[in-house]
PDB file of N, CA and C in Angstrom:
ATOM      1  N   MET A   1     -82.811 -75.036 183.814  1.00  0.00           N
ATOM      2  CA  MET A   1     -83.045 -73.612 184.006  1.00  0.00           C
ATOM      3  C   MET A   1     -83.782 -73.408 185.327  1.00  0.00           C
ATOM      4  N   LYS A   2     -83.319 -72.459 186.108  1.00  0.00           N
ATOM      5  CA  LYS A   2     -83.881 -72.176 187.405  1.00  0.00           C
ATOM      6  C   LYS A   2     -85.174 -71.364 187.261  1.00  0.00           C
ATOM      7  N   ALA A   3     -86.175 -71.727 188.042  1.00  0.00           N
ATOM      8  CA  ALA A   3     -87.441 -70.999 188.001  1.00  0.00           C
ATOM      9  C   ALA A   3     -87.253 -69.622 188.622  1.00  0.00           C
ATOM     10  N   ILE A   4     -87.921 -68.628 188.067  1.00  0.00           N
ATOM     11  CA  ILE A   4     -87.852 -67.259 188.570  1.00  0.00           C
ATOM     12  C   ILE A   4     -88.999 -67.060 189.561  1.00  0.00           C
ATOM     13  N   ARG A   5     -88.651 -66.639 190.765  1.00  0.00           N
ATOM     14  CA  ARG A   5     -89.667 -66.386 191.781  1.00  0.00           C
ATOM     15  C   ARG A   5     -90.250 -64.998 191.578  1.00  0.00           C
ATOM     16  N   SER A   6     -91.469 -64.838 191.966  1.00  0.00           N
ATOM     17  CA  SER A   6     -92.105 -63.536 191.801  1.00  0.00           C
ATOM     18  C   SER A   6     -91.626 -62.560 192.875  1.00  0.00           C
ATOM     19  N   TYR A   7     -91.663 -61.298 192.535  1.00  0.00           N
ATOM     20  CA  TYR A   7     -91.283 -60.236 193.473  1.00  0.00           C
ATOM     21  C   TYR A   7     -92.157 -60.301 194.722  1.00  0.00           C
ATOM     22  N   HIS A   8     -93.466 -60.477 194.517  1.00  0.00           N
ATOM     23  CA  HIS A   8     -94.398 -60.483 195.642  1.00  0.00           C
ATOM     24  C   HIS A   8     -94.088 -61.631 196.603  1.00  0.00           C
ATOM     25  N   LYS A   9     -93.807 -62.785 196.068  1.00  0.00           N
ATOM     26  CA  LYS A   9     -93.510 -63.945 196.908  1.00  0.00           C
ATOM     27  C   LYS A   9     -92.233 -63.703 197.722  1.00  0.00           C
ATOM     28  N   ASP A  10     -91.207 -63.157 197.080  1.00  0.00           N
ATOM     29  CA  ASP A  10     -89.966 -62.827 197.785  1.00  0.00           C
ATOM     30  C   ASP A  10     -90.202 -61.758 198.848  1.00  0.00           C
ATOM     31  N   LEU A  11     -91.010 -60.745 198.505  1.00  0.00           N
ATOM     32  CA  LEU A  11     -91.320 -59.680 199.453  1.00  0.00           C
ATOM     33  C   LEU A  11     -92.026 -60.254 200.680  1.00  0.00           C
ATOM     34  N   MET A  12     -93.010 -61.116 200.470  1.00  0.00           N
ATOM     35  CA  MET A  12     -93.750 -61.714 201.578  1.00  0.00           C
ATOM     36  C   MET A  12     -92.815 -62.522 202.482  1.00  0.00           C
ATOM     37  N   GLN A  13     -91.883 -63.206 201.892  1.00  0.00           N
ATOM     38  CA  GLN A  13     -90.927 -63.982 202.680  1.00  0.00           C
ATOM     39  C   GLN A  13     -90.027 -63.049 203.501  1.00  0.00           C
ATOM     40  N   ASP A  14     -89.541 -61.987 202.876  1.00  0.00           N
ATOM     41  CA  ASP A  14     -88.679 -61.028 203.577  1.00  0.00           C
ATOM     42  C   ASP A  14     -89.417 -60.342 204.726  1.00  0.00           C
ATOM     43  N   LEU A  15     -90.686 -60.005 204.500  1.00  0.00           N
ATOM     44  CA  LEU A  15     -91.454 -59.255 205.496  1.00  0.00           C
ATOM     45  C   LEU A  15     -91.900 -60.096 206.681  1.00  0.00           C
ATOM     46  N   GLN A  16     -91.637 -61.384 206.649  1.00  0.00           N
ATOM     47  CA  GLN A  16     -91.919 -62.225 207.808  1.00  0.00           C
ATOM     48  C   GLN A  16     -90.939 -61.927 208.938  1.00  0.00           C
ATOM     49  N   ASP A  17     -89.779 -61.411 208.597  1.00  0.00           N
ATOM     50  CA  ASP A  17     -88.783 -61.001 209.593  1.00  0.00           C
ATOM     51  C   ASP A  17     -89.200 -59.629 210.118  1.00  0.00           C
ATOM     52  N   PRO A  18     -89.470 -59.518 211.427  1.00  0.00           N
ATOM     53  CA  PRO A  18     -89.925 -58.231 211.973  1.00  0.00           C
ATOM     54  C   PRO A  18     -88.977 -57.068 211.691  1.00  0.00           C
ATOM     55  N   ARG A  19     -87.670 -57.290 211.694  1.00  0.00           N
ATOM     56  CA  ARG A  19     -86.724 -56.202 211.405  1.00  0.00           C
ATOM     57  C   ARG A  19     -86.873 -55.729 209.968  1.00  0.00           C
ATOM     58  N   GLU A  20     -87.043 -56.666 209.046  1.00  0.00           N
ATOM     59  CA  GLU A  20     -87.251 -56.303 207.633  1.00  0.00           C
ATOM     60  C   GLU A  20     -88.564 -55.544 207.470  1.00  0.00           C
ATOM     61  N   ALA A  21     -89.604 -56.017 208.157  1.00  0.00           N
ATOM     62  CA  ALA A  21     -90.920 -55.374 208.064  1.00  0.00           C
ATOM     63  C   ALA A  21     -90.856 -53.934 208.561  1.00  0.00           C
ATOM     64  N   ILE A  22     -90.160 -53.724 209.679  1.00  0.00           N
ATOM     65  CA  ILE A  22     -90.060 -52.376 210.245  1.00  0.00           C
ATOM     66  C   ILE A  22     -89.241 -51.477 209.325  1.00  0.00           C
ATOM     67  N   SER A  23     -88.161 -51.985 208.759  1.00  0.00           N
ATOM     68  CA  SER A  23     -87.358 -51.192 207.811  1.00  0.00           C
ATOM     69  C   SER A  23     -88.175 -50.820 206.582  1.00  0.00           C
ATOM     70  N   TYR A  24     -88.956 -51.769 206.095  1.00  0.00           N
ATOM     71  CA  TYR A  24     -89.823 -51.567 204.933  1.00  0.00           C
ATOM     72  C   TYR A  24     -90.850 -50.464 205.223  1.00  0.00           C
ATOM     73  N   LEU A  25     -91.467 -50.518 206.405  1.00  0.00           N
ATOM     74  CA  LEU A  25     -92.448 -49.494 206.774  1.00  0.00           C
ATOM     75  C   LEU A  25     -91.788 -48.133 206.947  1.00  0.00           C
ATOM     76  N   ASN A  26     -90.608 -48.109 207.554  1.00  0.00           N
ATOM     77  CA  ASN A  26     -89.898 -46.837 207.706  1.00  0.00           C
ATOM     78  C   ASN A  26     -89.564 -46.222 206.352  1.00  0.00           C
ATOM     79  N   ALA A  27     -89.142 -47.044 205.404  1.00  0.00           N
ATOM     80  CA  ALA A  27     -88.831 -46.544 204.062  1.00  0.00           C
ATOM     81  C   ALA A  27     -90.085 -45.965 203.406  1.00  0.00           C
ATOM     82  N   ALA A  28     -91.208 -46.649 203.566  1.00  0.00           N
ATOM     83  CA  ALA A  28     -92.461 -46.153 202.989  1.00  0.00           C
ATOM     84  C   ALA A  28     -92.899 -44.864 203.674  1.00  0.00           C
ATOM     85  N   LEU A  29     -92.683 -44.779 204.962  1.00  0.00           N
ATOM     86  CA  LEU A  29     -93.074 -43.597 205.728  1.00  0.00           C
ATOM     87  C   LEU A  29     -92.218 -42.394 205.362  1.00  0.00           C
ATOM     88  N   GLU A  30     -90.936 -42.613 205.109  1.00  0.00           N
ATOM     89  CA  GLU A  30     -90.026 -41.513 204.754  1.00  0.00           C
ATOM     90  C   GLU A  30     -90.422 -40.829 203.459  1.00  0.00           C
ATOM     91  N   ASP A  31     -91.047 -41.574 202.554  1.00  0.00           N
ATOM     92  CA  ASP A  31     -91.475 -40.984 201.286  1.00  0.00           C
ATOM     93  C   ASP A  31     -92.583 -39.955 201.486  1.00  0.00           C
ATOM     94  N   GLY A  32     -93.306 -40.058 202.607  1.00  0.00           N
ATOM     95  CA  GLY A  32     -94.368 -39.101 202.886  1.00  0.00           C
ATOM     96  C   GLY A  32     -95.634 -39.324 202.083  1.00  0.00           C
ATOM     97  N   ASP A  33     -95.725 -40.459 201.415  1.00  0.00           N
ATOM     98  CA  ASP A  33     -96.899 -40.784 200.607  1.00  0.00           C
ATOM     99  C   ASP A  33     -97.796 -41.718 201.416  1.00  0.00           C
ATOM    100  N   LYS A  34     -98.945 -41.213 201.835  1.00  0.00           N
ATOM    101  CA  LYS A  34     -99.861 -41.979 202.679  1.00  0.00           C
ATOM    102  C   LYS A  34    -100.282 -43.278 202.009  1.00  0.00           C
ATOM    103  N   GLU A  35    -100.616 -43.226 200.733  1.00  0.00           N
ATOM    104  CA  GLU A  35    -101.054 -44.430 200.017  1.00  0.00           C
ATOM    105  C   GLU A  35     -99.957 -45.487 199.986  1.00  0.00           C
ATOM    106  N   ALA A  36     -98.717 -45.068 199.773  1.00  0.00           N
ATOM    107  CA  ALA A  36     -97.596 -46.007 199.740  1.00  0.00           C
ATOM    108  C   ALA A  36     -97.390 -46.632 201.117  1.00  0.00           C
ATOM    109  N   PHE A  37     -97.532 -45.826 202.166  1.00  0.00           N
ATOM    110  CA  PHE A  37     -97.381 -46.355 203.516  1.00  0.00           C
ATOM    111  C   PHE A  37     -98.467 -47.372 203.832  1.00  0.00           C
ATOM    112  N   LEU A  38     -99.710 -47.063 203.478  1.00  0.00           N
ATOM    113  CA  LEU A  38    -100.810 -47.996 203.751  1.00  0.00           C
ATOM    114  C   LEU A  38    -100.638 -49.292 202.964  1.00  0.00           C
ATOM    115  N   LEU A  39    -100.181 -49.194 201.708  1.00  0.00           N
ATOM    116  CA  LEU A  39     -99.919 -50.405 200.923  1.00  0.00           C
ATOM    117  C   LEU A  39     -98.800 -51.217 201.564  1.00  0.00           C
ATOM    118  N   ALA A  40     -97.754 -50.536 202.018  1.00  0.00           N
ATOM    119  CA  ALA A  40     -96.647 -51.229 202.684  1.00  0.00           C
ATOM    120  C   ALA A  40     -97.147 -51.922 203.946  1.00  0.00           C
ATOM    121  N   PHE A  41     -97.984 -51.247 204.712  1.00  0.00           N
ATOM    122  CA  PHE A  41     -98.508 -51.838 205.938  1.00  0.00           C
ATOM    123  C   PHE A  41     -99.378 -53.052 205.613  1.00  0.00           C
ATOM    124  N   ARG A  42    -100.145 -52.933 204.553  1.00  0.00           N
ATOM    125  CA  ARG A  42    -100.980 -54.075 204.139  1.00  0.00           C
ATOM    126  C   ARG A  42    -100.100 -55.261 203.752  1.00  0.00           C
ATOM    127  N   ASN A  43     -99.009 -55.004 203.044  1.00  0.00           N
ATOM    128  CA  ASN A  43     -98.078 -56.081 202.687  1.00  0.00           C
ATOM    129  C   ASN A  43     -97.490 -56.729 203.932  1.00  0.00           C
ATOM    130  N   VAL A  44     -97.131 -55.912 204.915  1.00  0.00           N
ATOM    131  CA  VAL A  44     -96.563 -56.448 206.159  1.00  0.00           C
ATOM    132  C   VAL A  44     -97.587 -57.311 206.882  1.00  0.00           C
ATOM    133  N   VAL A  45     -98.811 -56.829 206.989  1.00  0.00           N
ATOM    134  CA  VAL A  45     -99.868 -57.603 207.659  1.00  0.00           C
ATOM    135  C   VAL A  45    -100.086 -58.926 206.927  1.00  0.00           C
ATOM    136  N   GLU A  46    -100.109 -58.880 205.612  1.00  0.00           N
ATOM    137  CA  GLU A  46    -100.275 -60.102 204.821  1.00  0.00           C
ATOM    138  C   GLU A  46     -99.135 -61.080 205.100  1.00  0.00           C
ATOM    139  N   ALA A  47     -97.913 -60.588 205.126  1.00  0.00           N
ATOM    140  CA  ALA A  47     -96.748 -61.443 205.346  1.00  0.00           C
ATOM    141  C   ALA A  47     -96.708 -62.001 206.766  1.00  0.00           C
ATOM    142  N   GLN A  48     -97.266 -61.271 207.707  1.00  0.00           N
ATOM    143  CA  GLN A  48     -97.227 -61.677 209.108  1.00  0.00           C
ATOM    144  C   GLN A  48     -98.417 -62.543 209.511  1.00  0.00           C
ATOM    145  N   GLY A  49     -99.090 -63.123 208.547  1.00  0.00           N
ATOM    146  CA  GLY A  49    -100.183 -64.042 208.871  1.00  0.00           C
ATOM    147  C   GLY A  49    -101.526 -63.682 208.283  1.00  0.00           C
ATOM    148  N   GLY A  50    -101.626 -62.547 207.644  1.00  0.00           N
ATOM    149  CA  GLY A  50    -102.850 -62.174 206.952  1.00  0.00           C
ATOM    150  C   GLY A  50    -103.838 -61.379 207.791  1.00  0.00           C
ATOM    151  N   MET A  51    -104.883 -60.932 207.117  1.00  0.00           N
ATOM    152  CA  MET A  51    -105.890 -60.085 207.751  1.00  0.00           C
ATOM    153  C   MET A  51    -106.688 -60.840 208.814  1.00  0.00           C
ATOM    154  N   SER A  52    -106.941 -62.120 208.589  1.00  0.00           N
ATOM    155  CA  SER A  52    -107.709 -62.887 209.577  1.00  0.00           C
ATOM    156  C   SER A  52    -106.956 -62.975 210.899  1.00  0.00           C
ATOM    157  N   ARG A  53    -105.669 -63.273 210.826  1.00  0.00           N
ATOM    158  CA  ARG A  53    -104.848 -63.330 212.043  1.00  0.00           C
ATOM    159  C   ARG A  53    -104.779 -61.954 212.691  1.00  0.00           C
ATOM    160  N   ALA A  54    -104.552 -60.920 211.886  1.00  0.00           N
ATOM    161  CA  ALA A  54    -104.471 -59.558 212.413  1.00  0.00           C
ATOM    162  C   ALA A  54    -105.772 -59.177 213.109  1.00  0.00           C
ATOM    163  N   SER A  55    -106.883 -59.578 212.526  1.00  0.00           N
ATOM    164  CA  SER A  55    -108.186 -59.285 213.104  1.00  0.00           C
ATOM    165  C   SER A  55    -108.345 -59.962 214.467  1.00  0.00           C
ATOM    166  N   ARG A  56    -107.950 -61.219 214.553  1.00  0.00           N
ATOM    167  CA  ARG A  56    -108.048 -61.949 215.828  1.00  0.00           C
ATOM    168  C   ARG A  56    -107.167 -61.308 216.898  1.00  0.00           C
ATOM    169  N   VAL A  57    -105.932 -60.976 216.548  1.00  0.00           N
ATOM    170  CA  VAL A  57    -104.978 -60.456 217.524  1.00  0.00           C
ATOM    171  C   VAL A  57    -105.330 -59.033 217.959  1.00  0.00           C
ATOM    172  N   THR A  58    -105.699 -58.182 217.018  1.00  0.00           N
ATOM    173  CA  THR A  58    -105.963 -56.777 217.326  1.00  0.00           C
ATOM    174  C   THR A  58    -107.405 -56.520 217.751  1.00  0.00           C
ATOM    175  N   ARG A  59    -108.271 -57.479 217.472  1.00  0.00           N
ATOM    176  CA  ARG A  59    -109.713 -57.335 217.739  1.00  0.00           C
ATOM    177  C   ARG A  59    -110.332 -56.205 216.922  1.00  0.00           C
ATOM    178  N   ILE A  60    -109.762 -56.000 215.744  1.00  0.00           N
ATOM    179  CA  ILE A  60    -110.323 -55.064 214.771  1.00  0.00           C
ATOM    180  C   ILE A  60    -110.964 -55.918 213.692  1.00  0.00           C
ATOM    181  N   HIS A  61    -112.208 -55.627 213.353  1.00  0.00           N
ATOM    182  CA  HIS A  61    -112.922 -56.429 212.351  1.00  0.00           C
ATOM    183  C   HIS A  61    -112.112 -56.495 211.054  1.00  0.00           C
ATOM    184  N   ARG A  62    -112.082 -57.658 210.448  1.00  0.00           N
ATOM    185  CA  ARG A  62    -111.292 -57.894 209.231  1.00  0.00           C
ATOM    186  C   ARG A  62    -111.659 -56.916 208.120  1.00  0.00           C
ATOM    187  N   VAL A  63    -112.941 -56.658 207.921  1.00  0.00           N
ATOM    188  CA  VAL A  63    -113.367 -55.723 206.878  1.00  0.00           C
ATOM    189  C   VAL A  63    -112.832 -54.321 207.173  1.00  0.00           C
ATOM    190  N   SER A  64    -112.826 -53.947 208.438  1.00  0.00           N
ATOM    191  CA  SER A  64    -112.274 -52.637 208.828  1.00  0.00           C
ATOM    192  C   SER A  64    -110.782 -52.562 208.529  1.00  0.00           C
ATOM    193  N   LEU A  65    -110.070 -53.667 208.743  1.00  0.00           N
ATOM    194  CA  LEU A  65    -108.643 -53.703 208.423  1.00  0.00           C
ATOM    195  C   LEU A  65    -108.413 -53.477 206.934  1.00  0.00           C
ATOM    196  N   TYR A  66    -109.195 -54.169 206.103  1.00  0.00           N
ATOM    197  CA  TYR A  66    -109.064 -53.984 204.656  1.00  0.00           C
ATOM    198  C   TYR A  66    -109.318 -52.534 204.266  1.00  0.00           C
ATOM    199  N   LYS A  67    -110.346 -51.927 204.862  1.00  0.00           N
ATOM    200  CA  LYS A  67    -110.671 -50.531 204.543  1.00  0.00           C
ATOM    201  C   LYS A  67    -109.568 -49.580 204.999  1.00  0.00           C
ATOM    202  N   MET A  68    -109.088 -49.755 206.234  1.00  0.00           N
ATOM    203  CA  MET A  68    -108.103 -48.800 206.743  1.00  0.00           C
ATOM    204  C   MET A  68    -106.758 -48.936 206.050  1.00  0.00           C
ATOM    205  N   LEU A  69    -106.463 -50.109 205.468  1.00  0.00           N
ATOM    206  CA  LEU A  69    -105.195 -50.298 204.774  1.00  0.00           C
ATOM    207  C   LEU A  69    -105.346 -50.223 203.255  1.00  0.00           C
ATOM    208  N   SER A  70    -106.468 -49.663 202.804  1.00  0.00           N
ATOM    209  CA  SER A  70    -106.683 -49.466 201.372  1.00  0.00           C
ATOM    210  C   SER A  70    -106.065 -48.129 200.956  1.00  0.00           C
ATOM    211  N   LYS A  71    -106.050 -47.854 199.652  1.00  0.00           N
ATOM    212  CA  LYS A  71    -105.485 -46.596 199.146  1.00  0.00           C
ATOM    213  C   LYS A  71    -106.125 -45.375 199.796  1.00  0.00           C
ATOM    214  N   LYS A  72    -107.418 -45.454 200.040  1.00  0.00           N
ATOM    215  CA  LYS A  72    -108.135 -44.322 200.619  1.00  0.00           C
ATOM    216  C   LYS A  72    -108.348 -44.492 202.114  1.00  0.00           C
ATOM    217  N   GLY A  73    -107.627 -45.447 202.703  1.00  0.00           N
ATOM    218  CA  GLY A  73    -107.769 -45.727 204.126  1.00  0.00           C
ATOM    219  C   GLY A  73    -107.351 -44.561 204.990  1.00  0.00           C
ATOM    220  N   ASN A  74    -107.900 -44.539 206.182  1.00  0.00           N
ATOM    221  CA  ASN A  74    -107.583 -43.483 207.126  1.00  0.00           C
ATOM    222  C   ASN A  74    -107.621 -44.073 208.537  1.00  0.00           C
ATOM    223  N   PRO A  75    -106.606 -44.890 208.868  1.00  0.00           N
ATOM    224  CA  PRO A  75    -106.639 -45.531 210.183  1.00  0.00           C
ATOM    225  C   PRO A  75    -106.498 -44.518 211.312  1.00  0.00           C
ATOM    226  N   GLY A  76    -107.267 -44.754 212.353  1.00  0.00           N
ATOM    227  CA  GLY A  76    -107.136 -43.921 213.543  1.00  0.00           C
ATOM    228  C   GLY A  76    -105.865 -44.293 214.294  1.00  0.00           C
ATOM    229  N   ILE A  77    -105.459 -43.430 215.209  1.00  0.00           N
ATOM    230  CA  ILE A  77    -104.221 -43.659 215.949  1.00  0.00           C
ATOM    231  C   ILE A  77    -104.299 -44.942 216.765  1.00  0.00           C
ATOM    232  N   ASP A  78    -105.447 -45.236 217.363  1.00  0.00           N
ATOM    233  CA  ASP A  78    -105.590 -46.465 218.151  1.00  0.00           C
ATOM    234  C   ASP A  78    -105.410 -47.703 217.283  1.00  0.00           C
ATOM    235  N   SER A  79    -106.015 -47.690 216.122  1.00  0.00           N
ATOM    236  CA  SER A  79    -105.896 -48.829 215.204  1.00  0.00           C
ATOM    237  C   SER A  79    -104.467 -48.980 214.707  1.00  0.00           C
ATOM    238  N   LEU A  80    -103.843 -47.869 214.388  1.00  0.00           N
ATOM    239  CA  LEU A  80    -102.460 -47.897 213.925  1.00  0.00           C
ATOM    240  C   LEU A  80    -101.538 -48.458 215.009  1.00  0.00           C
ATOM    241  N   MET A  81    -101.761 -48.042 216.249  1.00  0.00           N
ATOM    242  CA  MET A  81    -100.948 -48.547 217.355  1.00  0.00           C
ATOM    243  C   MET A  81    -101.147 -50.052 217.542  1.00  0.00           C
ATOM    244  N   GLU A  82    -102.371 -50.540 217.399  1.00  0.00           N
ATOM    245  CA  GLU A  82    -102.636 -51.977 217.507  1.00  0.00           C
ATOM    246  C   GLU A  82    -101.918 -52.742 216.402  1.00  0.00           C
ATOM    247  N   LEU A  83    -101.945 -52.211 215.184  1.00  0.00           N
ATOM    248  CA  LEU A  83    -101.263 -52.872 214.073  1.00  0.00           C
ATOM    249  C   LEU A  83     -99.750 -52.869 214.271  1.00  0.00           C
ATOM    250  N   LEU A  84     -99.215 -51.794 214.814  1.00  0.00           N
ATOM    251  CA  LEU A  84     -97.783 -51.756 215.096  1.00  0.00           C
ATOM    252  C   LEU A  84     -97.415 -52.793 216.146  1.00  0.00           C
ATOM    253  N   ARG A  85     -98.232 -52.923 217.178  1.00  0.00           N
ATOM    254  CA  ARG A  85     -97.978 -53.946 218.205  1.00  0.00           C
ATOM    255  C   ARG A  85     -98.037 -55.341 217.604  1.00  0.00           C
ATOM    256  N   LEU A  86     -98.920 -55.539 216.651  1.00  0.00           N
ATOM    257  CA  LEU A  86     -99.063 -56.833 215.983  1.00  0.00           C
ATOM    258  C   LEU A  86     -97.743 -57.294 215.388  1.00  0.00           C
ATOM    259  N   ILE A  87     -96.987 -56.368 214.830  1.00  0.00           N
ATOM    260  CA  ILE A  87     -95.728 -56.743 214.183  1.00  0.00           C
ATOM    261  C   ILE A  87     -94.517 -56.508 215.088  1.00  0.00           C
ATOM    262  N   GLY A  88     -94.784 -56.140 216.333  1.00  0.00           N
ATOM    263  CA  GLY A  88     -93.688 -55.945 217.277  1.00  0.00           C
ATOM    264  C   GLY A  88     -92.983 -54.617 217.124  1.00  0.00           C
ATOM    265  N   ALA A  89     -93.707 -53.613 216.674  1.00  0.00           N
ATOM    266  CA  ALA A  89     -93.125 -52.287 216.456  1.00  0.00           C
ATOM    267  C   ALA A  89     -93.820 -51.277 217.360  1.00  0.00           C
ATOM    268  N   ARG A  90     -93.217 -50.126 217.463  1.00  0.00           N
ATOM    269  CA  ARG A  90     -93.833 -49.028 218.183  1.00  0.00           C
ATOM    270  C   ARG A  90     -93.544 -47.738 217.438  1.00  0.00           C
ATOM    271  N   MET A  91     -94.364 -46.748 217.693  1.00  0.00           N
ATOM    272  CA  MET A  91     -94.198 -45.466 217.034  1.00  0.00           C
ATOM    273  C   MET A  91     -93.217 -44.617 217.846  1.00  0.00           C
ATOM    274  N   GLN A  92     -92.349 -43.908 217.139  1.00  0.00           N
ATOM    275  CA  GLN A  92     -91.391 -43.036 217.794  1.00  0.00           C
ATOM    276  C   GLN A  92     -91.219 -41.794 216.931  1.00  0.00           C
ATOM    277  N   LEU A  93     -91.184 -40.661 217.567  1.00  0.00           N
ATOM    278  CA  LEU A  93     -90.984 -39.415 216.843  1.00  0.00           C
ATOM    279  C   LEU A  93     -89.524 -39.011 216.944  1.00  0.00           C
ATOM    280  N   THR A  94     -89.006 -38.442 215.875  1.00  0.00           N
ATOM    281  CA  THR A  94     -87.646 -37.913 215.873  1.00  0.00           C
ATOM    282  C   THR A  94     -87.704 -36.484 215.362  1.00  0.00           C
ATOM    283  N   GLY A  95     -86.661 -35.776 215.528  1.00  0.00           N
ATOM    284  CA  GLY A  95     -86.685 -34.424 215.015  1.00  0.00           C
ATOM    285  C   GLY A  95     -85.527 -33.645 215.579  1.00  0.00           C
ATOM    286  N   PRO A  96     -85.464 -32.380 215.352  1.00  0.00           N
ATOM    287  CA  PRO A  96     -86.389 -31.635 214.509  1.00  0.00           C
ATOM    288  C   PRO A  96     -86.100 -31.868 213.038  1.00  0.00           C
ATOM    289  N   VAL A  97     -87.106 -31.733 212.230  1.00  0.00           N
ATOM    290  CA  VAL A  97     -86.942 -31.837 210.782  1.00  0.00           C
ATOM    291  C   VAL A  97     -87.303 -30.499 210.171  1.00  0.00           C
ATOM    292  N   ARG A  98     -86.746 -30.264 209.026  1.00  0.00           N
ATOM    293  CA  ARG A  98     -87.021 -29.014 208.323  1.00  0.00           C
ATOM    294  C   ARG A  98     -88.388 -29.098 207.658  1.00  0.00           C
ATOM    295  N   LEU A  99     -89.239 -28.143 207.938  1.00  0.00           N
ATOM    296  CA  LEU A  99     -90.577 -28.106 207.348  1.00  0.00           C
ATOM    297  C   LEU A  99     -90.528 -27.547 205.948  1.00  0.00           C
ATOM    298  N   ARG A 100     -91.436 -28.034 205.115  1.00  0.00           N
ATOM    299  CA  ARG A 100     -91.534 -27.494 203.753  1.00  0.00           C
ATOM    300  C   ARG A 100     -92.138 -26.095 203.801  1.00  0.00           C
ATOM    301  N   GLN A 101     -91.651 -25.231 202.946  1.00  0.00           N
ATOM    302  CA  GLN A 101     -92.193 -23.892 202.847  1.00  0.00           C
ATOM    303  C   GLN A 101     -93.443 -23.906 201.979  1.00  0.00           C
ATOM    304  N   ALA A 102     -94.434 -23.153 202.381  1.00  0.00           N
ATOM    305  CA  ALA A 102     -95.662 -23.046 201.592  1.00  0.00           C
ATOM    306  C   ALA A 102     -95.364 -22.310 200.303  1.00  0.00           C
ATOM    307  N   ALA A 103     -96.019 -22.745 199.220  1.00  0.00           N
ATOM    308  CA  ALA A 103     -95.765 -22.123 197.906  1.00  0.00           C
ATOM    309  C   ALA A 103     -96.506 -20.825 197.768  1.00  0.00           C
TER     310      ALA A 103
END
């Protein structure tokens, strides 16, 4: 009988590929849920070498990385740009998109 691999282990392996990581982040971003996006980004950072490596490369303190990528995280634009560079991505705006109407 073949052993069943865990979802998390498979996800970490997939997210080592920068194209997969960027697609994963785009999917999380499209949902418009900040917490889901931050969790996705944390998964990508973990798969790409972990918080210690990210801290060394971006020069952002490791504890700050954990905080900014937590459910209640609120990364600044500079930090977000550094993390995107870490995984070989860049931010790009597209549009126009239809805005939601206020209730």
